C-alpha atoms as a PDB file:
ATOM      1  CA  MET A   1      24.554 -14.390  21.636  1.00  0.00           C
ATOM      2  CA  LYS A   2      21.295 -12.931  22.970  1.00  0.00           C
ATOM      3  CA  LEU A   3      19.518 -15.049  25.585  1.00  0.00           C
ATOM      4  CA  ILE A   4      16.540 -14.697  27.933  1.00  0.00           C
ATOM      5  CA  ALA A   5      17.059 -15.824  31.515  1.00  0.00           C
ATOM      6  CA  ASN A   6      14.623 -18.491  32.838  1.00  0.00           C
ATOM      7  CA  ARG A   7      15.761 -17.714  36.408  1.00  0.00           C
ATOM      8  CA  GLN A   8      18.098 -15.237  38.036  1.00  0.00           C
ATOM      9  CA  LEU A   9      21.615 -15.674  36.645  1.00  0.00           C
ATOM     10  CA  ARG A  10      25.015 -14.188  37.425  1.00  0.00           C
ATOM     11  CA  GLY A  11      28.182 -14.552  35.394  1.00  0.00           C
ATOM     12  CA  VAL A  12      30.510 -12.817  32.941  1.00  0.00           C
ATOM     13  CA  TYR A  13      27.386 -11.309  31.396  1.00  0.00           C
ATOM     14  CA  GLY A  14      26.382  -9.614  34.659  1.00  0.00           C
ATOM     15  CA  LEU A  15      23.176 -10.103  36.684  1.00  0.00           C
ATOM     16  CA  ALA A  16      20.110 -11.215  34.693  1.00  0.00           C
ATOM     17  CA  ALA A  17      16.637 -11.332  36.260  1.00  0.00           C
ATOM     18  CA  PRO A  18      14.051 -13.924  35.100  1.00  0.00           C
ATOM     19  CA  GLY A  19      12.647 -12.912  31.670  1.00  0.00           C
ATOM     20  CA  GLN A  20      15.440 -10.364  31.092  1.00  0.00           C
ATOM     21  CA  THR A  21      17.364 -10.376  27.800  1.00  0.00           C
ATOM     22  CA  PHE A  22      21.160 -10.390  28.057  1.00  0.00           C
ATOM     23  CA  ASP A  23      24.248 -10.868  25.844  1.00  0.00           C
ATOM     24  CA  CYS A  24      26.883 -13.462  26.576  1.00  0.00           C
ATOM     25  CA  PRO A  25      29.765 -15.211  24.743  1.00  0.00           C
ATOM     26  CA  ASP A  26      28.816 -18.166  22.520  1.00  0.00           C
ATOM     27  CA  ASP A  27      30.606 -20.818  24.612  1.00  0.00           C
ATOM     28  CA  VAL A  28      28.851 -19.660  27.837  1.00  0.00           C
ATOM     29  CA  ALA A  29      25.511 -19.416  25.950  1.00  0.00           C
ATOM     30  CA  GLY A  30      25.835 -23.051  24.822  1.00  0.00           C
ATOM     31  CA  GLU A  31      26.353 -24.179  28.434  1.00  0.00           C
ATOM     32  CA  LEU A  32      23.351 -22.116  29.714  1.00  0.00           C
ATOM     33  CA  LEU A  33      21.119 -23.543  26.978  1.00  0.00           C
ATOM     34  CA  ARG A  34      22.226 -27.107  27.740  1.00  0.00           C
ATOM     35  CA  LYS A  35      21.353 -26.588  31.464  1.00  0.00           C
ATOM     36  CA  GLN A  36      18.006 -25.019  30.349  1.00  0.00           C
ATOM     37  CA  VAL A  37      18.471 -21.971  32.576  1.00  0.00           C
ATOM     38  CA  ALA A  38      18.161 -19.653  29.560  1.00  0.00           C
ATOM     39  CA  ARG A  39      16.571 -19.690  26.131  1.00  0.00           C
ATOM     40  CA  ILE A  40      17.457 -18.056  22.830  1.00  0.00           C
ATOM     41  CA  ALA A  41      15.950 -14.607  22.413  1.00  0.00           C
ATOM     42  CA  ALA A  42      13.843 -14.529  19.292  1.00  0.00           C
ATOM     43  CA  SER A  43      14.532 -11.725  16.888  1.00  0.00           C
ATOM     44  CA  PRO A  44      11.991  -8.972  17.269  1.00  0.00           C
ATOM     45  CA  ARG A  45       9.298  -9.322  14.654  1.00  0.00           C
ATOM     46  CA  VAL A  46       8.614  -6.242  12.652  1.00  0.00           C
ATOM     47  CA  ALA A  47       5.055  -5.842  11.502  1.00  0.00           C
ATOM     48  CA  TYR A  48       4.486  -3.609   8.524  1.00  0.00           C
ATOM     49  CA  GLU A  49       1.142  -2.021   7.973  1.00  0.00           C
ATOM     50  CA  THR A  50       0.113  -1.268   4.462  1.00  0.00           C
ATOM     51  CA  LYS A  51      -2.688   0.919   3.324  1.00  0.00           C
ATOM     52  CA  VAL A  52      -4.690  -0.003   0.272  1.00  0.00           C
ATOM     53  CA  ILE A  53      -5.031   2.992  -1.992  1.00  0.00           C
ATOM     54  CA  VAL A  54      -8.196   3.087  -4.030  1.00  0.00           C
ATOM     55  CA  PRO A  55      -8.079   5.459  -6.979  1.00  0.00           C
ATOM     56  CA  GLU A  56     -10.720   8.150  -6.787  1.00  0.00           C
ATOM     57  CA  ALA A  57     -10.755   8.916 -10.493  1.00  0.00           C
ATOM     58  CA  PRO A  58     -13.674   7.537 -12.488  1.00  0.00           C
ATOM     59  CA  GLU A  59     -12.983   4.769 -14.894  1.00  0.00           C
ATOM     60  CA  VAL A  60     -11.620   5.813 -18.236  1.00  0.00           C
ATOM     61  CA  SER A  61     -13.446   4.633 -21.306  1.00  0.00           C
ATOM     62  CA  ALA A  62     -12.882   5.012 -25.014  1.00  0.00           C
ATOM     63  CA  ARG A  63     -14.024   8.254 -26.586  1.00  0.00           C
ATOM     64  CA  GLN A  64     -16.933   8.371 -28.929  1.00  0.00           C
ATOM     65  CA  PRO A  65     -15.812   8.482 -32.556  1.00  0.00           C
ATOM     66  CA  PHE A  66     -15.589  11.939 -34.120  1.00  0.00           C
ATOM     67  CA  ARG A  67     -18.381  12.780 -36.461  1.00  0.00           C
ATOM     68  CA  ASP A  68     -17.908  15.363 -39.183  1.00  0.00           C
ATOM     69  CA  VAL A  69     -21.172  17.223 -38.798  1.00  0.00           C
ATOM     70  CA  PRO A  70     -21.812  20.515 -40.585  1.00  0.00           C
ATOM     71  CA  VAL A  71     -22.282  23.422 -38.191  1.00  0.00           C
ATOM     72  CA  LEU A  72     -24.365  26.406 -39.137  1.00  0.00           C
ATOM     73  CA  ASP A  73     -22.206  29.517 -39.177  1.00  0.00           C
ATOM     74  CA  ALA A  74     -24.549  32.266 -38.156  1.00  0.00           C
ATOM     75  CA  GLU A  75     -22.727  35.562 -38.629  1.00  0.00           C
ATOM     76  CA  SER A  76     -23.434  38.358 -36.223  1.00  0.00           C
ATOM     77  CA  PRO A  77     -24.825  41.551 -37.731  1.00  0.00           C
ATOM     78  CA  THR A  78     -21.732  43.562 -36.664  1.00  0.00           C
ATOM     79  CA  VAL A  79     -19.394  41.404 -38.740  1.00  0.00           C
ATOM     80  CA  ALA A  80     -19.388  41.894 -42.489  1.00  0.00           C
ATOM     81  CA  PRO A  81     -19.817  38.635 -44.389  1.00  0.00           C
ATOM     82  CA  GLN A  82     -16.841  37.458 -46.371  1.00  0.00           C
ATOM     83  CA  SER A  83     -18.795  37.817 -49.613  1.00  0.00           C
ATOM     84  CA  ARG A  84     -19.259  41.542 -48.970  1.00  0.00           C
ATOM     85  CA  ARG A  85     -15.975  43.148 -48.002  1.00  0.00           C
ATOM     86  CA  VAL A  86     -15.835  46.443 -46.190  1.00  0.00           C
ATOM     87  CA  PHE A  87     -13.501  48.114 -48.703  1.00  0.00           C
ATOM     88  CA  SER A  88     -14.018  47.882 -52.387  1.00  0.00           C
ATOM     89  CA  THR A  89     -11.029  48.133 -54.691  1.00  0.00           C
ATOM     90  CA  THR A  90     -12.004  51.711 -55.566  1.00  0.00           C
ATOM     91  CA  ASN A  91     -11.948  52.805 -51.907  1.00  0.00           C
ATOM     92  CA  LEU A  92      -8.450  51.421 -51.218  1.00  0.00           C
ATOM     93  CA  PRO A  93      -5.588  53.923 -51.055  1.00  0.00           C
ATOM     94  CA  PRO A  94      -3.120  53.714 -53.985  1.00  0.00           C
ATOM     95  CA  LEU A  95      -0.011  51.595 -53.520  1.00  0.00           C
ATOM     96  CA  ARG A  96       3.186  53.572 -53.138  1.00  0.00           C
ATOM     97  CA  ASP A  97       6.274  52.879 -55.193  1.00  0.00           C
ATOM     98  CA  ALA A  98       9.509  52.073 -53.461  1.00  0.00           C
ATOM     99  CA  ASP A  99      11.708  55.091 -52.705  1.00  0.00           C
ATOM    100  CA  PRO A 100      14.113  55.395 -55.681  1.00  0.00           C
ATOM    101  CA  ARG A 101      16.725  57.212 -53.580  1.00  0.00           C
ATOM    102  CA  GLY A 102      17.144  54.318 -51.178  1.00  0.00           C
ATOM    103  CA  ARG A 103      17.454  54.537 -47.470  1.00  0.00           C
ATOM    104  CA  GLY A 104      18.424  57.902 -46.054  1.00  0.00           C
ATOM    105  CA  GLY A 105      20.427  58.805 -42.952  1.00  0.00           C
ATOM    106  CA  ARG A 106      24.049  58.438 -41.895  1.00  0.00           C
ATOM    107  CA  LYS A 107      26.270  55.669 -43.087  1.00  0.00           C
ATOM    108  CA  GLY A 108      27.065  52.839 -40.710  1.00  0.00           C
ATOM    109  CA  PHE A 109      30.468  52.118 -39.127  1.00  0.00           C
ATOM    110  CA  GLY A 110      32.997  50.770 -41.580  1.00  0.00           C
ATOM    111  CA  SER A 111      31.004  51.630 -44.724  1.00  0.00           C
ATOM    112  CA  LYS A 112      32.672  53.263 -47.654  1.00  0.00           C
ATOM    113  CA  PRO A 113      31.415  56.688 -48.851  1.00  0.00           C
END
């Protein structure tokens, strides 16, 4: 048991000066307490410091409702409007037919001639 000496003590626990903390067997501690030459050492108190954290972000509020508002679409002069396409159907190149002979080149591995 941990005790604090009220005066100088000597015993199986060694030499204890006044105010010094020392350990001794429970039966000897009971006798020292009864004679009031020592007192029970209080457990050390642990003090915890806490820090209050304040959020730095601004408060969050509900968004404003979405409004479907028409937006003017001003086209730049370098872009052709969709109504007037750059190519007319007469200026387009003719479509090519698929090659009737199929794909040329060597046959792949494992193919039959």
